Protein backbone atom coordinates (compact mmCIF):
# COMPACT_ATOMS: atom_id res chain seq x y z
CA MET A 1 -159.99 103.03 188.05
CA LEU A 2 -158.96 102.83 191.70
CA MET A 3 -161.03 99.68 192.20
CA SER A 4 -159.44 98.03 189.16
CA LEU A 5 -155.97 98.87 190.43
CA MET A 6 -156.76 97.38 193.82
CA LEU A 7 -158.46 94.24 192.55
CA PHE A 8 -156.06 93.41 189.72
CA HIS A 9 -152.68 94.58 191.01
CA PRO A 10 -150.22 91.64 190.78
CA ASP A 11 -149.02 92.12 194.37
CA LEU A 12 -152.56 91.81 195.71
CA GLN A 13 -153.67 88.63 193.93
CA GLY A 14 -153.31 86.44 197.03
CA ILE A 15 -155.78 88.45 199.11
CA ARG A 16 -158.80 86.38 200.06
CA ARG A 17 -161.21 89.09 201.16
CA TYR A 18 -161.72 92.73 200.33
CA MET A 19 -164.12 94.72 202.47
CA LEU A 20 -165.38 98.26 202.29
CA ALA A 21 -168.05 100.48 203.78
CA THR A 22 -170.38 102.66 201.78
CA LYS A 23 -173.47 104.66 202.57
CA ASP A 24 -174.92 104.92 199.10
CA ALA A 25 -172.67 103.38 196.42
CA HIS A 26 -173.71 99.73 196.65
CA GLY A 27 -174.56 99.60 192.94
CA LEU A 28 -171.16 100.97 191.98
CA TYR A 29 -169.24 98.41 194.03
CA ALA A 30 -171.53 95.56 192.91
CA GLN A 31 -170.12 96.13 189.41
CA PHE A 32 -166.76 95.00 190.81
CA GLY A 33 -168.17 91.89 192.45
CA PHE A 34 -168.85 93.21 195.95
CA LYS A 35 -171.90 91.72 197.69
CA ALA A 36 -173.57 92.19 201.04
CA ILE A 37 -171.72 90.37 203.82
CA GLU A 38 -173.10 86.85 204.23
CA HIS A 39 -172.84 86.79 208.04
CA PRO A 40 -172.65 90.39 209.27
CA ASP A 41 -173.29 89.19 212.82
CA MET A 42 -169.77 87.70 212.78
CA LEU A 43 -168.05 91.05 212.13
CA MET A 44 -166.96 93.57 214.71
CA GLY A 45 -165.13 96.86 214.54
CA ILE A 46 -163.69 99.73 216.50
CA VAL A 47 -164.57 103.27 215.52
CA ILE A 48 -162.52 106.10 217.00
CA LYS A 49 -164.60 109.22 216.50
CA ASP A 50 -162.85 112.36 215.33
CA ILE A 51 -159.51 110.56 214.94
CA TYR A 52 -158.50 112.70 211.99
CA GLN A 53 -159.50 115.88 213.77
CA ASN A 54 -157.47 114.86 216.83
CA VAL A 55 -154.38 114.15 214.70
CA HIS A 56 -154.51 117.70 213.32
CA GLU A 57 -154.76 119.10 216.84
CA LEU A 58 -151.57 117.27 217.85
CA GLY A 59 -149.52 118.49 214.86
């Protein structure tokens, strides 16, 4: 249901690209039209380890 809400919400119909990361649910997301990235060598990211743990330590 969450995927349907995201993909079909009227306010989100102009979005060109949806991306997600999954370890083992490729088949599930394929049902919604997700495919492997065509050129993964063009993507980059920043991962901040333990960010959620650090936020709890500050609060």
